[in-house]
Amino acid sequence: MGSKLIWTVGQARANYSMTMMAACYNLKRLVYVQRAGIEAF
């Protein structure tokens, strides 16, 4: 999750990789927030 190096060839693949890492992080955080019963706004 906290990778600082991206082992891809090309800018497009690196962007895709970073987008997928961010999406996975956000989904995991969403599950945590929902289970904790935290409501936004």
PDB file of N, CA and C in Angstrom:
ATOM      1  N   MET A   1       0.816  -1.203   0.000  1.00  0.00           N
ATOM      2  CA  MET A   1       0.000   0.000   0.000  1.00  0.00           C
ATOM      3  C   MET A   1       0.859   1.265   0.000  1.00  0.00           C
ATOM      4  N   GLY A   2       1.934   1.255   0.742  1.00  0.00           N
ATOM      5  CA  GLY A   2       2.709   2.468   0.875  1.00  0.00           C
ATOM      6  C   GLY A   2       3.948   2.483   0.013  1.00  0.00           C
ATOM      7  N   SER A   3       3.853   1.913  -1.150  1.00  0.00           N
ATOM      8  CA  SER A   3       5.015   1.813  -2.016  1.00  0.00           C
ATOM      9  C   SER A   3       5.456   3.182  -2.505  1.00  0.00           C
ATOM     10  N   LYS A   4       6.766   3.397  -2.467  1.00  0.00           N
ATOM     11  CA  LYS A   4       7.293   4.665  -2.957  1.00  0.00           C
ATOM     12  C   LYS A   4       7.949   4.508  -4.312  1.00  0.00           C
ATOM     13  N   LEU A   5       8.216   3.273  -4.702  1.00  0.00           N
ATOM     14  CA  LEU A   5       8.802   3.012  -6.007  1.00  0.00           C
ATOM     15  C   LEU A   5       7.773   2.331  -6.892  1.00  0.00           C
ATOM     16  N   ILE A   6       7.774   2.702  -8.144  1.00  0.00           N
ATOM     17  CA  ILE A   6       6.857   2.097  -9.099  1.00  0.00           C
ATOM     18  C   ILE A   6       7.698   1.414 -10.161  1.00  0.00           C
ATOM     19  N   TRP A   7       7.556   0.104 -10.250  1.00  0.00           N
ATOM     20  CA  TRP A   7       8.356  -0.688 -11.187  1.00  0.00           C
ATOM     21  C   TRP A   7       7.586  -0.905 -12.473  1.00  0.00           C
ATOM     22  N   THR A   8       7.403   0.152 -13.230  1.00  0.00           N
ATOM     23  CA  THR A   8       6.724   0.068 -14.514  1.00  0.00           C
ATOM     24  C   THR A   8       7.578   0.757 -15.571  1.00  0.00           C
ATOM     25  N   VAL A   9       7.281   0.429 -16.810  1.00  0.00           N
ATOM     26  CA  VAL A   9       7.967   1.064 -17.926  1.00  0.00           C
ATOM     27  C   VAL A   9       6.977   2.027 -18.572  1.00  0.00           C
ATOM     28  N   GLY A  10       7.301   3.292 -18.564  1.00  0.00           N
ATOM     29  CA  GLY A  10       6.456   4.291 -19.211  1.00  0.00           C
ATOM     30  C   GLY A  10       5.592   5.069 -18.238  1.00  0.00           C
ATOM     31  N   GLN A  11       5.321   6.287 -18.625  1.00  0.00           N
ATOM     32  CA  GLN A  11       4.535   7.194 -17.795  1.00  0.00           C
ATOM     33  C   GLN A  11       3.082   6.740 -17.681  1.00  0.00           C
ATOM     34  N   ALA A  12       2.510   6.242 -18.765  1.00  0.00           N
ATOM     35  CA  ALA A  12       1.099   5.827 -18.741  1.00  0.00           C
ATOM     36  C   ALA A  12       0.887   4.684 -17.756  1.00  0.00           C
ATOM     37  N   ARG A  13       1.779   3.721 -17.762  1.00  0.00           N
ATOM     38  CA  ARG A  13       1.648   2.594 -16.828  1.00  0.00           C
ATOM     39  C   ARG A  13       1.875   3.040 -15.393  1.00  0.00           C
ATOM     40  N   ALA A  14       2.801   3.968 -15.184  1.00  0.00           N
ATOM     41  CA  ALA A  14       3.044   4.481 -13.839  1.00  0.00           C
ATOM     42  C   ALA A  14       1.812   5.223 -13.331  1.00  0.00           C
ATOM     43  N   ASN A  15       1.187   6.026 -14.189  1.00  0.00           N
ATOM     44  CA  ASN A  15      -0.032   6.731 -13.787  1.00  0.00           C
ATOM     45  C   ASN A  15      -1.142   5.752 -13.449  1.00  0.00           C
ATOM     46  N   TYR A  16      -1.285   4.712 -14.253  1.00  0.00           N
ATOM     47  CA  TYR A  16      -2.306   3.690 -13.998  1.00  0.00           C
ATOM     48  C   TYR A  16      -2.039   2.993 -12.666  1.00  0.00           C
ATOM     49  N   SER A  17      -0.787   2.671 -12.417  1.00  0.00           N
ATOM     50  CA  SER A  17      -0.412   1.995 -11.185  1.00  0.00           C
ATOM     51  C   SER A  17      -0.731   2.866  -9.963  1.00  0.00           C
ATOM     52  N   MET A  18      -0.401   4.127 -10.033  1.00  0.00           N
ATOM     53  CA  MET A  18      -0.680   5.040  -8.919  1.00  0.00           C
ATOM     54  C   MET A  18      -2.177   5.211  -8.708  1.00  0.00           C
ATOM     55  N   THR A  19      -2.926   5.276  -9.802  1.00  0.00           N
ATOM     56  CA  THR A  19      -4.379   5.400  -9.690  1.00  0.00           C
ATOM     57  C   THR A  19      -4.973   4.182  -9.004  1.00  0.00           C
ATOM     58  N   MET A  20      -4.502   2.991  -9.361  1.00  0.00           N
ATOM     59  CA  MET A  20      -5.002   1.757  -8.748  1.00  0.00           C
ATOM     60  C   MET A  20      -4.624   1.685  -7.270  1.00  0.00           C
ATOM     61  N   MET A  21      -3.408   2.118  -6.923  1.00  0.00           N
ATOM     62  CA  MET A  21      -3.006   2.126  -5.506  1.00  0.00           C
ATOM     63  C   MET A  21      -3.883   3.080  -4.703  1.00  0.00           C
ATOM     64  N   ALA A  22      -4.168   4.242  -5.264  1.00  0.00           N
ATOM     65  CA  ALA A  22      -5.011   5.217  -4.564  1.00  0.00           C
ATOM     66  C   ALA A  22      -6.436   4.697  -4.425  1.00  0.00           C
ATOM     67  N   ALA A  23      -6.957   4.042  -5.468  1.00  0.00           N
ATOM     68  CA  ALA A  23      -8.313   3.499  -5.405  1.00  0.00           C
ATOM     69  C   ALA A  23      -8.408   2.403  -4.345  1.00  0.00           C
ATOM     70  N   CYS A  24      -7.420   1.532  -4.282  1.00  0.00           N
ATOM     71  CA  CYS A  24      -7.421   0.467  -3.275  1.00  0.00           C
ATOM     72  C   CYS A  24      -7.347   1.054  -1.870  1.00  0.00           C
ATOM     73  N   TYR A  25      -6.517   2.042  -1.677  1.00  0.00           N
ATOM     74  CA  TYR A  25      -6.415   2.690  -0.373  1.00  0.00           C
ATOM     75  C   TYR A  25      -7.751   3.301   0.035  1.00  0.00           C
ATOM     76  N   ASN A  26      -8.388   4.002  -0.906  1.00  0.00           N
ATOM     77  CA  ASN A  26      -9.655   4.649  -0.599  1.00  0.00           C
ATOM     78  C   ASN A  26     -10.756   3.634  -0.299  1.00  0.00           C
ATOM     79  N   LEU A  27     -10.775   2.516  -1.002  1.00  0.00           N
ATOM     80  CA  LEU A  27     -11.767   1.482  -0.728  1.00  0.00           C
ATOM     81  C   LEU A  27     -11.556   0.861   0.651  1.00  0.00           C
ATOM     82  N   LYS A  28     -10.304   0.600   1.007  1.00  0.00           N
ATOM     83  CA  LYS A  28     -10.024   0.054   2.334  1.00  0.00           C
ATOM     84  C   LYS A  28     -10.431   1.044   3.414  1.00  0.00           C
ATOM     85  N   ARG A  29     -10.157   2.301   3.181  1.00  0.00           N
ATOM     86  CA  ARG A  29     -10.534   3.327   4.162  1.00  0.00           C
ATOM     87  C   ARG A  29     -12.053   3.448   4.282  1.00  0.00           C
ATOM     88  N   LEU A  30     -12.759   3.342   3.167  1.00  0.00           N
ATOM     89  CA  LEU A  30     -14.214   3.396   3.183  1.00  0.00           C
ATOM     90  C   LEU A  30     -14.785   2.268   4.032  1.00  0.00           C
ATOM     91  N   VAL A  31     -14.256   1.051   3.858  1.00  0.00           N
ATOM     92  CA  VAL A  31     -14.725  -0.087   4.644  1.00  0.00           C
ATOM     93  C   VAL A  31     -14.477   0.162   6.131  1.00  0.00           C
ATOM     94  N   TYR A  32     -13.296   0.679   6.471  1.00  0.00           N
ATOM     95  CA  TYR A  32     -12.980   0.968   7.864  1.00  0.00           C
ATOM     96  C   TYR A  32     -13.958   1.995   8.439  1.00  0.00           C
ATOM     97  N   VAL A  33     -14.219   3.048   7.706  1.00  0.00           N
ATOM     98  CA  VAL A  33     -15.102   4.117   8.190  1.00  0.00           C
ATOM     99  C   VAL A  33     -16.525   3.596   8.366  1.00  0.00           C
ATOM    100  N   GLN A  34     -16.986   2.782   7.434  1.00  0.00           N
ATOM    101  CA  GLN A  34     -18.335   2.231   7.533  1.00  0.00           C
ATOM    102  C   GLN A  34     -18.460   1.290   8.723  1.00  0.00           C
ATOM    103  N   ARG A  35     -17.457   0.456   8.963  1.00  0.00           N
ATOM    104  CA  ARG A  35     -17.503  -0.470  10.091  1.00  0.00           C
ATOM    105  C   ARG A  35     -17.419   0.254  11.420  1.00  0.00           C
ATOM    106  N   ALA A  36     -16.706   1.368  11.435  1.00  0.00           N
ATOM    107  CA  ALA A  36     -16.577   2.152  12.668  1.00  0.00           C
ATOM    108  C   ALA A  36     -17.833   2.961  12.935  1.00  0.00           C
ATOM    109  N   GLY A  37     -18.724   3.052  11.980  1.00  0.00           N
ATOM    110  CA  GLY A  37     -19.970   3.794  12.165  1.00  0.00           C
ATOM    111  C   GLY A  37     -19.801   5.291  12.085  1.00  0.00           C
ATOM    112  N   ILE A  38     -18.759   5.736  11.425  1.00  0.00           N
ATOM    113  CA  ILE A  38     -18.495   7.163  11.299  1.00  0.00           C
ATOM    114  C   ILE A  38     -19.287   7.698  10.113  1.00  0.00           C
ATOM    115  N   GLU A  39     -20.002   8.785  10.349  1.00  0.00           N
ATOM    116  CA  GLU A  39     -20.767   9.405   9.273  1.00  0.00           C
ATOM    117  C   GLU A  39     -20.175  10.758   8.929  1.00  0.00           C
ATOM    118  N   ALA A  40     -20.027  11.009   7.670  1.00  0.00           N
ATOM    119  CA  ALA A  40     -19.519  12.305   7.231  1.00  0.00           C
ATOM    120  C   ALA A  40     -20.708  13.247   7.058  1.00  0.00           C
ATOM    121  N   PHE A  41     -20.564  14.423   7.570  1.00  0.00           N
ATOM    122  CA  PHE A  41     -21.585  15.472   7.469  1.00  0.00           C
ATOM    123  C   PHE A  41     -22.817  15.030   8.173  1.00  0.00           C
TER     124      PHE A  41
END
